[in-house]
Amino acid sequence: MNTKHIFRLAYLIVAAAVLAWIGIGGTIWVAYRTHREAVAANATTPATIVAAAAATAASIEIDPFDRTKSSVQYEWLKPDSDASKIPDWLTRELGPLPANARSLGGWITALRAAGVQVCWKVAPRKVGEGDRTFALPFERASVREVLDELCRCDTRYRWEWMQGNEVVNVLADEKLDAPLGNVSFRPRRFFYCLPDLQPHVYVWTNFNVDPPKGYDNLFYWPVEIKAREITVRDYLNLSVAQYDDMTWTVDAQGVLELDAPQATRDAVAEKYRDEVSP
């Protein structure tokens, strides 16, 4: 075998080795990607909401629920309610109120800015239908009067509050009253509570890939619940009630948002500023 044949043989051996390495690397990469996709598909943490999931959430039928058996009760006011039985916080005067017309969402934002812990379930909207806007007929009014007027102007909604608390619910339907049974757990991040609420509530952010970190993300805040025979709505109310003026919003597709005033955000960050690990 001459030198030319030796070089040719060496070249073929090197080429075969390179091709084999590429093949092995490709196989490993495909296997890794397949594994990652499988983990994401089967993870117990919340996934990114998609249109199909939202459509499914909107069409879920709710099992009958006996509120009398629940440890969470709600109150509402009739027009002729005894004034002595109305909580002081409902008689608190608000104002001056904005004079311009706003959507219900805009008015709820104004209520939250005024210190009313109001959470709401958005009414479904017909294709092509825009926000209904209206102005309130007074410059100053009590919390109760404002809530009454909002539901009078948009009759799709009703309002009530969680007994023994100041968490107000403005509701378009009963979709969040899906029963969950008894719920009991020690403090854990709200992020890890989300699977308990599916398929009735979703979030837009894909926490499978990048779980929330830090107290600037409200889904990172810890909550604790111990309650009997509660619903998705009760679960949300009991969670936000643990922080000053924290609120939730669930839109017509079941997408959940949490909000809190800056003072609460600062207080929570300060409380946990020495935290070493999540």
Protein backbone atom coordinates (compact mmCIF):
# COMPACT_ATOMS: atom_id res chain seq x y z
CA MET A 1 0.00 0.00 0.00
CA ASN A 2 1.56 3.28 -1.10
CA THR A 3 1.32 6.68 0.61
CA LYS A 4 -1.60 7.80 -1.59
CA HIS A 5 -3.70 4.82 -0.53
CA ILE A 6 -2.85 5.38 3.13
CA PHE A 7 -4.02 9.03 2.99
CA ARG A 8 -7.21 8.02 1.18
CA LEU A 9 -7.96 5.36 3.78
CA ALA A 10 -7.28 7.80 6.61
CA TYR A 11 -9.62 10.34 4.98
CA LEU A 12 -12.40 7.78 4.71
CA ILE A 13 -11.99 6.77 8.36
CA VAL A 14 -12.13 10.42 9.53
CA ALA A 15 -15.17 11.14 7.32
CA ALA A 16 -16.99 8.07 8.66
CA ALA A 17 -16.21 9.13 12.22
CA VAL A 18 -17.54 12.66 11.61
CA LEU A 19 -20.74 11.35 10.03
CA ALA A 20 -21.22 8.92 12.90
CA TRP A 21 -20.74 11.72 15.42
CA ILE A 22 -23.24 13.95 13.62
CA GLY A 23 -25.73 11.10 13.57
CA ILE A 24 -25.32 10.39 17.27
CA GLY A 25 -25.56 14.08 18.11
CA GLY A 26 -28.72 14.46 16.04
CA THR A 27 -30.31 11.47 17.72
CA ILE A 28 -29.47 12.85 21.15
CA TRP A 29 -30.90 16.28 20.23
CA VAL A 30 -34.13 14.80 18.89
CA ALA A 31 -34.51 12.68 22.01
CA TYR A 32 -33.88 15.73 24.21
CA ARG A 33 -36.44 17.85 22.35
CA THR A 34 -38.99 15.03 22.51
CA HIS A 35 -38.42 14.70 26.24
CA ARG A 36 -38.82 18.45 26.80
CA GLU A 37 -42.06 18.54 24.83
CA ALA A 38 -43.41 15.57 26.76
CA VAL A 39 -42.54 17.22 30.06
CA ALA A 40 -44.22 20.44 29.01
CA ALA A 41 -47.32 18.59 27.84
CA ASN A 42 -47.66 16.58 31.06
CA ALA A 43 -46.43 19.09 33.61
CA THR A 44 -48.66 19.78 36.60
CA THR A 45 -47.86 23.49 36.48
CA PRO A 46 -50.08 25.80 34.38
CA ALA A 47 -49.53 25.84 30.62
CA THR A 48 -49.90 28.68 28.18
CA ILE A 49 -53.51 29.35 27.40
CA VAL A 50 -54.50 28.75 23.80
CA ALA A 51 -57.67 29.55 21.91
CA ALA A 52 -58.91 25.96 22.02
CA ALA A 53 -58.40 25.77 25.78
CA ALA A 54 -60.19 29.06 26.24
CA ALA A 55 -63.12 27.87 24.17
CA THR A 56 -63.27 24.69 26.26
CA ALA A 57 -63.22 26.69 29.49
CA ALA A 58 -66.09 28.85 28.26
CA SER A 59 -68.29 25.82 27.56
CA ILE A 60 -67.67 23.85 30.77
CA GLU A 61 -70.85 22.86 32.57
CA ILE A 62 -70.91 23.59 36.30
CA ASP A 63 -72.17 20.93 38.68
CA PRO A 64 -74.89 22.01 41.11
CA PHE A 65 -73.43 23.55 44.26
CA ASP A 66 -75.06 23.78 47.68
CA ARG A 67 -73.74 27.03 49.12
CA THR A 68 -75.28 26.31 52.54
CA LYS A 69 -72.71 23.54 53.10
CA SER A 70 -69.76 25.81 52.39
CA SER A 71 -67.57 27.53 54.95
CA VAL A 72 -67.57 30.57 52.62
CA GLN A 73 -70.77 32.61 52.52
CA TYR A 74 -71.73 35.80 50.70
CA GLU A 75 -73.94 38.77 51.46
CA TRP A 76 -75.88 41.17 49.28
CA LEU A 77 -78.17 44.13 49.87
CA LYS A 78 -81.81 44.49 48.97
CA PRO A 79 -83.16 47.97 48.20
CA ASP A 80 -85.00 47.99 51.52
CA SER A 81 -82.13 46.62 53.62
CA ASP A 82 -81.98 47.84 57.22
CA ALA A 83 -79.37 50.62 57.34
CA SER A 84 -78.11 49.36 60.70
CA LYS A 85 -77.04 46.06 59.07
CA ILE A 86 -74.99 47.67 56.32
CA PRO A 87 -71.21 47.39 56.99
CA ASP A 88 -69.45 50.70 57.55
CA TRP A 89 -67.10 50.19 54.63
CA LEU A 90 -70.06 50.08 52.24
CA THR A 91 -71.27 53.48 53.45
CA ARG A 92 -67.87 55.13 52.93
CA GLU A 93 -68.17 58.09 50.58
CA LEU A 94 -66.23 58.09 47.33
CA GLY A 95 -65.49 61.10 45.19
CA PRO A 96 -65.07 63.24 43.39
CA LEU A 97 -65.92 60.58 40.82
CA PRO A 98 -64.81 60.90 37.18
CA ALA A 99 -67.36 62.72 35.07
CA ASN A 100 -66.53 61.01 31.78
CA ALA A 101 -68.15 57.82 30.50
CA ARG A 102 -66.23 54.62 31.17
CA SER A 103 -66.64 50.91 30.61
CA LEU A 104 -67.44 48.72 33.59
CA GLY A 105 -63.78 47.71 33.66
CA GLY A 106 -62.83 51.39 33.81
CA TRP A 107 -65.16 52.01 36.74
CA ILE A 108 -63.86 48.96 38.59
CA THR A 109 -60.33 50.30 38.12
CA ALA A 110 -61.51 53.58 39.65
CA LEU A 111 -63.05 51.71 42.60
CA ARG A 112 -59.83 49.81 43.18
CA ALA A 113 -57.86 53.06 43.11
CA ALA A 114 -60.24 54.35 45.80
CA GLY A 115 -59.42 51.38 48.04
CA VAL A 116 -62.38 49.10 47.27
CA GLN A 117 -61.25 45.45 47.02
CA VAL A 118 -63.47 44.58 44.07
CA CYS A 119 -62.89 41.44 41.98
CA TRP A 120 -64.88 40.68 38.87
CA LYS A 121 -65.84 38.05 36.34
CA VAL A 122 -66.19 39.60 32.89
CA ALA A 123 -69.35 39.04 30.87
CA PRO A 124 -69.02 37.24 27.52
CA ARG A 125 -69.04 39.58 24.54
CA LYS A 126 -70.73 38.99 21.21
CA VAL A 127 -68.61 39.03 18.05
CA GLY A 128 -67.97 42.63 17.07
CA GLU A 129 -69.46 44.01 20.30
CA GLY A 130 -67.49 46.83 21.92
CA ASP A 131 -67.31 47.91 25.54
CA ARG A 132 -70.46 49.47 26.95
CA THR A 133 -69.63 52.86 28.39
CA PHE A 134 -71.62 55.05 30.75
CA ALA A 135 -71.18 57.91 33.20
CA LEU A 136 -72.32 57.88 36.81
CA PRO A 137 -75.03 60.43 37.71
CA PHE A 138 -73.31 61.75 40.83
CA GLU A 139 -70.06 63.37 41.84
CA ARG A 140 -69.93 61.75 45.26
CA ALA A 141 -71.57 58.55 46.48
CA SER A 142 -71.09 55.67 48.90
CA VAL A 143 -69.36 52.46 47.89
CA ARG A 144 -72.75 50.76 47.91
CA GLU A 145 -74.37 53.42 45.72
CA VAL A 146 -71.58 53.20 43.16
CA LEU A 147 -71.82 49.39 42.97
CA ASP A 148 -75.62 49.56 42.70
CA GLU A 149 -75.38 52.09 39.89
CA LEU A 150 -72.79 50.07 37.98
CA CYS A 151 -75.03 47.00 38.00
CA ARG A 152 -78.05 49.12 37.12
CA CYS A 153 -76.27 50.56 34.09
CA ASP A 154 -75.02 47.15 32.97
CA THR A 155 -77.69 44.66 34.01
CA ARG A 156 -75.54 41.68 33.03
CA TYR A 157 -73.84 42.06 36.39
CA ARG A 158 -74.68 41.66 40.06
CA TRP A 159 -72.53 42.32 43.12
CA GLU A 160 -72.06 40.79 46.56
CA TRP A 161 -69.32 40.49 49.15
CA MET A 162 -67.63 37.69 51.04
CA GLN A 163 -69.06 37.42 54.54
CA GLY A 164 -66.79 38.76 57.26
CA ASN A 165 -64.58 40.47 54.70
CA GLU A 166 -64.44 43.42 52.32
CA VAL A 167 -63.79 41.42 49.15
CA VAL A 168 -66.49 42.46 46.67
CA ASN A 169 -67.45 40.32 43.67
CA VAL A 170 -68.99 41.81 40.53
CA LEU A 171 -70.23 38.80 38.58
CA ALA A 172 -71.55 38.27 35.08
CA ASP A 173 -72.34 34.56 35.47
CA GLU A 174 -71.90 31.51 37.70
CA LYS A 175 -68.97 29.96 35.83
CA LEU A 176 -66.58 30.40 38.75
CA ASP A 177 -68.88 28.62 41.18
CA ALA A 178 -67.51 25.23 40.16
CA PRO A 179 -67.18 23.13 43.33
CA LEU A 180 -63.71 22.10 44.49
CA GLY A 181 -64.63 20.35 47.73
CA ASN A 182 -62.50 20.76 50.85
CA VAL A 183 -59.26 22.66 50.38
CA SER A 184 -56.46 22.76 52.93
CA PHE A 185 -52.79 23.61 52.47
CA ARG A 186 -50.02 25.54 54.16
CA PRO A 187 -48.48 28.62 52.53
CA ARG A 188 -47.41 28.01 48.95
CA ARG A 189 -46.87 30.18 45.91
CA PHE A 190 -50.06 31.07 44.10
CA PHE A 191 -48.35 29.74 40.98
CA TYR A 192 -48.57 26.24 42.46
CA CYS A 193 -52.26 26.75 43.24
CA LEU A 194 -53.22 27.27 39.62
CA PRO A 195 -53.61 23.56 38.76
CA ASP A 196 -56.33 23.41 41.45
CA LEU A 197 -58.33 25.97 39.45
CA GLN A 198 -58.05 24.43 35.98
CA PRO A 199 -59.88 24.03 33.67
CA HIS A 200 -61.95 26.97 34.92
CA VAL A 201 -59.11 29.50 35.18
CA TYR A 202 -55.95 29.92 33.09
CA VAL A 203 -53.07 32.35 32.77
CA TRP A 204 -51.46 33.72 29.62
CA THR A 205 -47.84 33.29 30.70
CA ASN A 206 -46.20 29.92 30.12
CA PHE A 207 -44.90 29.14 33.61
CA ASN A 208 -43.77 25.67 32.48
CA VAL A 209 -40.72 27.16 30.84
CA ASP A 210 -40.02 30.04 33.20
CA PRO A 211 -41.76 29.87 36.62
CA PRO A 212 -42.28 33.31 38.18
CA LYS A 213 -39.51 34.53 40.45
CA GLY A 214 -39.48 37.50 42.81
CA TYR A 215 -42.22 39.46 44.53
CA ASP A 216 -42.77 41.77 41.60
CA ASN A 217 -44.81 38.87 40.15
CA LEU A 218 -48.05 38.44 42.12
CA PHE A 219 -48.30 34.77 41.14
CA TYR A 220 -45.16 34.27 43.24
CA TRP A 221 -46.84 35.46 46.46
CA PRO A 222 -47.65 32.76 49.05
CA VAL A 223 -51.22 32.00 50.11
CA GLU A 224 -52.73 29.58 52.61
CA ILE A 225 -56.22 28.09 52.57
CA LYS A 226 -58.17 25.86 54.92
CA ALA A 227 -61.84 25.80 54.00
CA ARG A 228 -64.73 23.40 53.53
CA GLU A 229 -66.75 22.82 50.37
CA ILE A 230 -65.55 25.81 48.37
CA THR A 231 -65.69 26.84 44.71
CA VAL A 232 -63.16 28.34 42.30
CA ARG A 233 -64.48 31.79 43.18
CA ASP A 234 -64.13 31.13 46.92
CA TYR A 235 -60.57 29.93 46.35
CA LEU A 236 -59.68 33.16 44.54
CA ASN A 237 -61.40 35.33 47.15
CA LEU A 238 -59.72 33.57 50.09
CA SER A 239 -56.36 34.01 48.36
CA VAL A 240 -56.55 37.74 47.64
CA ALA A 241 -58.11 38.44 51.05
CA GLN A 242 -54.70 37.67 52.57
CA TYR A 243 -53.21 40.87 51.12
CA ASP A 244 -54.40 44.46 51.43
CA ASP A 245 -56.54 45.44 48.43
CA MET A 246 -55.28 42.59 46.27
CA THR A 247 -57.81 41.73 43.55
CA TRP A 248 -58.50 39.25 40.77
CA THR A 249 -60.09 39.54 37.34
CA VAL A 250 -61.26 36.61 35.21
CA ASP A 251 -62.19 37.48 31.65
CA ALA A 252 -64.86 35.84 29.51
CA GLN A 253 -62.38 33.18 28.29
CA GLY A 254 -61.27 32.26 31.82
CA VAL A 255 -57.95 34.12 31.79
CA LEU A 256 -56.92 35.19 35.30
CA GLU A 257 -55.13 38.38 36.26
CA LEU A 258 -54.04 39.46 39.74
CA ASP A 259 -53.51 43.06 40.84
CA ALA A 260 -52.47 44.92 43.97
CA PRO A 261 -51.73 48.58 44.75
CA GLN A 262 -48.13 49.71 44.89
CA ALA A 263 -48.25 50.09 48.69
CA THR A 264 -49.13 46.40 49.04
CA ARG A 265 -46.45 45.38 46.55
CA ASP A 266 -43.84 47.37 48.49
CA ALA A 267 -44.97 45.89 51.82
CA VAL A 268 -44.78 42.32 50.51
CA ALA A 269 -41.34 42.88 48.99
CA GLU A 270 -40.13 44.36 52.29
CA LYS A 271 -41.57 41.49 54.32
CA TYR A 272 -39.68 38.91 52.27
CA ARG A 273 -36.58 40.96 51.45
CA ASP A 274 -34.32 38.63 53.46
CA GLU A 275 -35.66 35.50 51.80
CA VAL A 276 -32.77 33.36 50.59
CA SER A 277 -34.61 30.79 48.47
CA PRO A 278 -38.12 30.48 47.02
